[in-house]
Amino acid sequence: MLTYVKESWEELKNNVTWLNREQASNYMVVVAVFSIIFALATWGVDSLFSKLIQLYFDKLIG
């Protein structure tokens, strides 16, 4: 386990390319915007299906 942690740390120090602060901020904004859009799309589809199911059962019972 200790060897794994040491190798992982070395990998992070030597082989990972880190973004600068400006790039990280820009990517954070992009991820936040797409997350909000995806959440709104999911909410919309859920609302639509909810109304369709309610309409179906209203017709079935009524």
PDB file of N, CA and C in Angstrom:
ATOM      1  N   MET A   1       0.826  -1.195   0.000  1.00  0.00           N
ATOM      2  CA  MET A   1       0.000   0.000   0.000  1.00  0.00           C
ATOM      3  C   MET A   1       0.874   1.264   0.000  1.00  0.00           C
ATOM      4  N   LEU A   2       1.916   1.240   0.776  1.00  0.00           N
ATOM      5  CA  LEU A   2       2.813   2.389   0.847  1.00  0.00           C
ATOM      6  C   LEU A   2       3.501   2.638  -0.497  1.00  0.00           C
ATOM      7  N   THR A   3       3.857   1.563  -1.178  1.00  0.00           N
ATOM      8  CA  THR A   3       4.473   1.692  -2.504  1.00  0.00           C
ATOM      9  C   THR A   3       3.506   2.349  -3.482  1.00  0.00           C
ATOM     10  N   TYR A   4       2.243   1.948  -3.411  1.00  0.00           N
ATOM     11  CA  TYR A   4       1.216   2.531  -4.291  1.00  0.00           C
ATOM     12  C   TYR A   4       1.096   4.031  -4.061  1.00  0.00           C
ATOM     13  N   VAL A   5       1.075   4.449  -2.798  1.00  0.00           N
ATOM     14  CA  VAL A   5       0.951   5.874  -2.474  1.00  0.00           C
ATOM     15  C   VAL A   5       2.177   6.631  -2.972  1.00  0.00           C
ATOM     16  N   LYS A   6       3.364   6.080  -2.775  1.00  0.00           N
ATOM     17  CA  LYS A   6       4.589   6.740  -3.243  1.00  0.00           C
ATOM     18  C   LYS A   6       4.597   6.880  -4.769  1.00  0.00           C
ATOM     19  N   GLU A   7       4.223   5.802  -5.455  1.00  0.00           N
ATOM     20  CA  GLU A   7       4.193   5.856  -6.925  1.00  0.00           C
ATOM     21  C   GLU A   7       3.141   6.832  -7.426  1.00  0.00           C
ATOM     22  N   SER A   8       2.000   6.879  -6.746  1.00  0.00           N
ATOM     23  CA  SER A   8       0.947   7.827  -7.134  1.00  0.00           C
ATOM     24  C   SER A   8       1.426   9.254  -6.954  1.00  0.00           C
ATOM     25  N   TRP A   9       2.113   9.524  -5.848  1.00  0.00           N
ATOM     26  CA  TRP A   9       2.634  10.866  -5.589  1.00  0.00           C
ATOM     27  C   TRP A   9       3.664  11.266  -6.639  1.00  0.00           C
ATOM     28  N   GLU A  10       4.538  10.348  -6.983  1.00  0.00           N
ATOM     29  CA  GLU A  10       5.529  10.614  -8.026  1.00  0.00           C
ATOM     30  C   GLU A  10       4.853  10.885  -9.367  1.00  0.00           C
ATOM     31  N   GLU A  11       3.816  10.139  -9.671  1.00  0.00           N
ATOM     32  CA  GLU A  11       3.054  10.354 -10.909  1.00  0.00           C
ATOM     33  C   GLU A  11       2.474  11.765 -10.933  1.00  0.00           C
ATOM     34  N   LEU A  12       1.899  12.196  -9.824  1.00  0.00           N
ATOM     35  CA  LEU A  12       1.330  13.538  -9.747  1.00  0.00           C
ATOM     36  C   LEU A  12       2.391  14.617  -9.905  1.00  0.00           C
ATOM     37  N   LYS A  13       3.547  14.416  -9.299  1.00  0.00           N
ATOM     38  CA  LYS A  13       4.601  15.430  -9.366  1.00  0.00           C
ATOM     39  C   LYS A  13       5.247  15.500 -10.740  1.00  0.00           C
ATOM     40  N   ASN A  14       5.454  14.366 -11.405  1.00  0.00           N
ATOM     41  CA  ASN A  14       6.282  14.333 -12.612  1.00  0.00           C
ATOM     42  C   ASN A  14       5.523  14.220 -13.926  1.00  0.00           C
ATOM     43  N   ASN A  15       4.349  13.604 -13.926  1.00  0.00           N
ATOM     44  CA  ASN A  15       3.696  13.312 -15.204  1.00  0.00           C
ATOM     45  C   ASN A  15       2.374  14.027 -15.443  1.00  0.00           C
ATOM     46  N   VAL A  16       1.849  14.699 -14.444  1.00  0.00           N
ATOM     47  CA  VAL A  16       0.568  15.377 -14.595  1.00  0.00           C
ATOM     48  C   VAL A  16       0.817  16.827 -14.983  1.00  0.00           C
ATOM     49  N   THR A  17       0.092  17.296 -15.994  1.00  0.00           N
ATOM     50  CA  THR A  17       0.168  18.691 -16.397  1.00  0.00           C
ATOM     51  C   THR A  17      -0.952  19.448 -15.695  1.00  0.00           C
ATOM     52  N   TRP A  18      -0.576  20.387 -14.854  1.00  0.00           N
ATOM     53  CA  TRP A  18      -1.564  21.132 -14.087  1.00  0.00           C
ATOM     54  C   TRP A  18      -1.950  22.403 -14.844  1.00  0.00           C
ATOM     55  N   LEU A  19      -3.207  22.767 -14.757  1.00  0.00           N
ATOM     56  CA  LEU A  19      -3.685  24.006 -15.372  1.00  0.00           C
ATOM     57  C   LEU A  19      -3.272  25.192 -14.512  1.00  0.00           C
ATOM     58  N   ASN A  20      -3.144  26.350 -15.178  1.00  0.00           N
ATOM     59  CA  ASN A  20      -2.914  27.544 -14.376  1.00  0.00           C
ATOM     60  C   ASN A  20      -4.255  28.030 -13.830  1.00  0.00           C
ATOM     61  N   ARG A  21      -4.204  29.014 -12.958  1.00  0.00           N
ATOM     62  CA  ARG A  21      -5.418  29.470 -12.266  1.00  0.00           C
ATOM     63  C   ARG A  21      -6.483  29.979 -13.246  1.00  0.00           C
ATOM     64  N   GLU A  22      -6.076  30.707 -14.275  1.00  0.00           N
ATOM     65  CA  GLU A  22      -7.028  31.267 -15.243  1.00  0.00           C
ATOM     66  C   GLU A  22      -7.721  30.161 -16.034  1.00  0.00           C
ATOM     67  N   GLN A  23      -6.964  29.184 -16.495  1.00  0.00           N
ATOM     68  CA  GLN A  23      -7.565  28.067 -17.232  1.00  0.00           C
ATOM     69  C   GLN A  23      -8.523  27.284 -16.347  1.00  0.00           C
ATOM     70  N   ALA A  24      -8.124  27.030 -15.109  1.00  0.00           N
ATOM     71  CA  ALA A  24      -8.979  26.290 -14.184  1.00  0.00           C
ATOM     72  C   ALA A  24     -10.275  27.046 -13.933  1.00  0.00           C
ATOM     73  N   SER A  25     -10.198  28.362 -13.791  1.00  0.00           N
ATOM     74  CA  SER A  25     -11.400  29.175 -13.576  1.00  0.00           C
ATOM     75  C   SER A  25     -12.316  29.118 -14.788  1.00  0.00           C
ATOM     76  N   ASN A  26     -11.727  29.212 -15.973  1.00  0.00           N
ATOM     77  CA  ASN A  26     -12.537  29.146 -17.192  1.00  0.00           C
ATOM     78  C   ASN A  26     -13.245  27.799 -17.316  1.00  0.00           C
ATOM     79  N   TYR A  27     -12.513  26.727 -17.050  1.00  0.00           N
ATOM     80  CA  TYR A  27     -13.121  25.396 -17.135  1.00  0.00           C
ATOM     81  C   TYR A  27     -14.194  25.209 -16.069  1.00  0.00           C
ATOM     82  N   MET A  28     -13.978  25.799 -14.897  1.00  0.00           N
ATOM     83  CA  MET A  28     -14.975  25.710 -13.839  1.00  0.00           C
ATOM     84  C   MET A  28     -16.282  26.373 -14.267  1.00  0.00           C
ATOM     85  N   VAL A  29     -16.191  27.516 -14.928  1.00  0.00           N
ATOM     86  CA  VAL A  29     -17.387  28.211 -15.408  1.00  0.00           C
ATOM     87  C   VAL A  29     -18.092  27.364 -16.465  1.00  0.00           C
ATOM     88  N   VAL A  30     -17.336  26.779 -17.382  1.00  0.00           N
ATOM     89  CA  VAL A  30     -17.929  25.938 -18.423  1.00  0.00           C
ATOM     90  C   VAL A  30     -18.652  24.745 -17.798  1.00  0.00           C
ATOM     91  N   VAL A  31     -18.016  24.098 -16.844  1.00  0.00           N
ATOM     92  CA  VAL A  31     -18.633  22.950 -16.184  1.00  0.00           C
ATOM     93  C   VAL A  31     -19.888  23.374 -15.430  1.00  0.00           C
ATOM     94  N   ALA A  32     -19.847  24.508 -14.753  1.00  0.00           N
ATOM     95  CA  ALA A  32     -21.011  24.997 -14.010  1.00  0.00           C
ATOM     96  C   ALA A  32     -22.173  25.297 -14.952  1.00  0.00           C
ATOM     97  N   VAL A  33     -21.893  25.955 -16.073  1.00  0.00           N
ATOM     98  CA  VAL A  33     -22.954  26.282 -17.038  1.00  0.00           C
ATOM     99  C   VAL A  33     -23.574  25.019 -17.611  1.00  0.00           C
ATOM    100  N   PHE A  34     -22.758  24.071 -18.031  1.00  0.00           N
ATOM    101  CA  PHE A  34     -23.304  22.835 -18.584  1.00  0.00           C
ATOM    102  C   PHE A  34     -24.034  22.015 -17.527  1.00  0.00           C
ATOM    103  N   SER A  35     -23.593  22.075 -16.282  1.00  0.00           N
ATOM    104  CA  SER A  35     -24.298  21.374 -15.211  1.00  0.00           C
ATOM    105  C   SER A  35     -25.683  21.967 -14.997  1.00  0.00           C
ATOM    106  N   ILE A  36     -25.769  23.290 -15.029  1.00  0.00           N
ATOM    107  CA  ILE A  36     -27.065  23.950 -14.877  1.00  0.00           C
ATOM    108  C   ILE A  36     -27.972  23.614 -16.054  1.00  0.00           C
ATOM    109  N   ILE A  37     -27.433  23.661 -17.266  1.00  0.00           N
ATOM    110  CA  ILE A  37     -28.232  23.325 -18.455  1.00  0.00           C
ATOM    111  C   ILE A  37     -28.720  21.890 -18.379  1.00  0.00           C
ATOM    112  N   PHE A  38     -27.852  20.971 -17.986  1.00  0.00           N
ATOM    113  CA  PHE A  38     -28.236  19.567 -17.876  1.00  0.00           C
ATOM    114  C   PHE A  38     -29.299  19.369 -16.790  1.00  0.00           C
ATOM    115  N   ALA A  39     -29.149  20.070 -15.671  1.00  0.00           N
ATOM    116  CA  ALA A  39     -30.139  19.979 -14.594  1.00  0.00           C
ATOM    117  C   ALA A  39     -31.495  20.501 -15.063  1.00  0.00           C
ATOM    118  N   LEU A  40     -31.502  21.612 -15.789  1.00  0.00           N
ATOM    119  CA  LEU A  40     -32.761  22.156 -16.308  1.00  0.00           C
ATOM    120  C   LEU A  40     -33.398  21.215 -17.331  1.00  0.00           C
ATOM    121  N   ALA A  41     -32.581  20.611 -18.184  1.00  0.00           N
ATOM    122  CA  ALA A  41     -33.105  19.656 -19.162  1.00  0.00           C
ATOM    123  C   ALA A  41     -33.695  18.436 -18.459  1.00  0.00           C
ATOM    124  N   THR A  42     -33.009  17.942 -17.434  1.00  0.00           N
ATOM    125  CA  THR A  42     -33.520  16.804 -16.669  1.00  0.00           C
ATOM    126  C   THR A  42     -34.825  17.165 -15.978  1.00  0.00           C
ATOM    127  N   TRP A  43     -34.888  18.352 -15.381  1.00  0.00           N
ATOM    128  CA  TRP A  43     -36.119  18.825 -14.743  1.00  0.00           C
ATOM    129  C   TRP A  43     -37.256  18.917 -15.760  1.00  0.00           C
ATOM    130  N   GLY A  44     -36.959  19.423 -16.953  1.00  0.00           N
ATOM    131  CA  GLY A  44     -37.984  19.551 -17.984  1.00  0.00           C
ATOM    132  C   GLY A  44     -38.524  18.209 -18.434  1.00  0.00           C
ATOM    133  N   VAL A  45     -37.651  17.264 -18.674  1.00  0.00           N
ATOM    134  CA  VAL A  45     -38.083  15.925 -19.097  1.00  0.00           C
ATOM    135  C   VAL A  45     -38.875  15.260 -17.980  1.00  0.00           C
ATOM    136  N   ASP A  46     -38.415  15.406 -16.740  1.00  0.00           N
ATOM    137  CA  ASP A  46     -39.123  14.833 -15.602  1.00  0.00           C
ATOM    138  C   ASP A  46     -40.516  15.439 -15.471  1.00  0.00           C
ATOM    139  N   SER A  47     -40.629  16.753 -15.619  1.00  0.00           N
ATOM    140  CA  SER A  47     -41.936  17.416 -15.543  1.00  0.00           C
ATOM    141  C   SER A  47     -42.852  16.941 -16.657  1.00  0.00           C
ATOM    142  N   LEU A  48     -42.304  16.820 -17.858  1.00  0.00           N
ATOM    143  CA  LEU A  48     -43.098  16.361 -18.992  1.00  0.00           C
ATOM    144  C   LEU A  48     -43.624  14.948 -18.757  1.00  0.00           C
ATOM    145  N   PHE A  49     -42.751  14.041 -18.333  1.00  0.00           N
ATOM    146  CA  PHE A  49     -43.185  12.673 -18.070  1.00  0.00           C
ATOM    147  C   PHE A  49     -44.190  12.618 -16.935  1.00  0.00           C
ATOM    148  N   SER A  50     -44.010  13.442 -15.922  1.00  0.00           N
ATOM    149  CA  SER A  50     -44.940  13.487 -14.802  1.00  0.00           C
ATOM    150  C   SER A  50     -46.334  13.904 -15.281  1.00  0.00           C
ATOM    151  N   LYS A  51     -46.378  14.930 -16.118  1.00  0.00           N
ATOM    152  CA  LYS A  51     -47.671  15.385 -16.644  1.00  0.00           C
ATOM    153  C   LYS A  51     -48.302  14.338 -17.568  1.00  0.00           C
ATOM    154  N   LEU A  52     -47.488  13.681 -18.371  1.00  0.00           N
ATOM    155  CA  LEU A  52     -48.019  12.638 -19.256  1.00  0.00           C
ATOM    156  C   LEU A  52     -48.574  11.460 -18.466  1.00  0.00           C
ATOM    157  N   ILE A  53     -47.874  11.057 -17.426  1.00  0.00           N
ATOM    158  CA  ILE A  53     -48.360   9.953 -16.601  1.00  0.00           C
ATOM    159  C   ILE A  53     -49.631  10.355 -15.869  1.00  0.00           C
ATOM    160  N   GLN A  54     -49.670  11.585 -15.365  1.00  0.00           N
ATOM    161  CA  GLN A  54     -50.875  12.064 -14.691  1.00  0.00           C
ATOM    162  C   GLN A  54     -52.045  12.122 -15.667  1.00  0.00           C
ATOM    163  N   LEU A  55     -51.817  12.598 -16.871  1.00  0.00           N
ATOM    164  CA  LEU A  55     -52.851  12.643 -17.892  1.00  0.00           C
ATOM    165  C   LEU A  55     -53.333  11.237 -18.246  1.00  0.00           C
ATOM    166  N   TYR A  56     -52.415  10.298 -18.370  1.00  0.00           N
ATOM    167  CA  TYR A  56     -52.765   8.912 -18.691  1.00  0.00           C
ATOM    168  C   TYR A  56     -53.666   8.320 -17.600  1.00  0.00           C
ATOM    169  N   PHE A  57     -53.292   8.494 -16.339  1.00  0.00           N
ATOM    170  CA  PHE A  57     -54.093   7.909 -15.278  1.00  0.00           C
ATOM    171  C   PHE A  57     -55.408   8.651 -15.093  1.00  0.00           C
ATOM    172  N   ASP A  58     -55.438   9.952 -15.358  1.00  0.00           N
ATOM    173  CA  ASP A  58     -56.713  10.690 -15.312  1.00  0.00           C
ATOM    174  C   ASP A  58     -57.655  10.157 -16.379  1.00  0.00           C
ATOM    175  N   LYS A  59     -57.165   9.864 -17.569  1.00  0.00           N
ATOM    176  CA  LYS A  59     -58.003   9.314 -18.640  1.00  0.00           C
ATOM    177  C   LYS A  59     -58.423   7.884 -18.322  1.00  0.00           C
ATOM    178  N   LEU A  60     -57.512   7.108 -17.715  1.00  0.00           N
ATOM    179  CA  LEU A  60     -57.781   5.716 -17.388  1.00  0.00           C
ATOM    180  C   LEU A  60     -58.852   5.619 -16.308  1.00  0.00           C
ATOM    181  N   ILE A  61     -58.755   6.463 -15.287  1.00  0.00           N
ATOM    182  CA  ILE A  61     -59.719   6.424 -14.187  1.00  0.00           C
ATOM    183  C   ILE A  61     -60.986   7.175 -14.546  1.00  0.00           C
ATOM    184  N   GLY A  62     -60.853   8.311 -15.196  1.00  0.00           N
ATOM    185  CA  GLY A  62     -61.995   9.176 -15.471  1.00  0.00           C
ATOM    186  C   GLY A  62     -62.668   8.838 -16.714  1.00  0.00           C
TER     187      GLY A  62
END
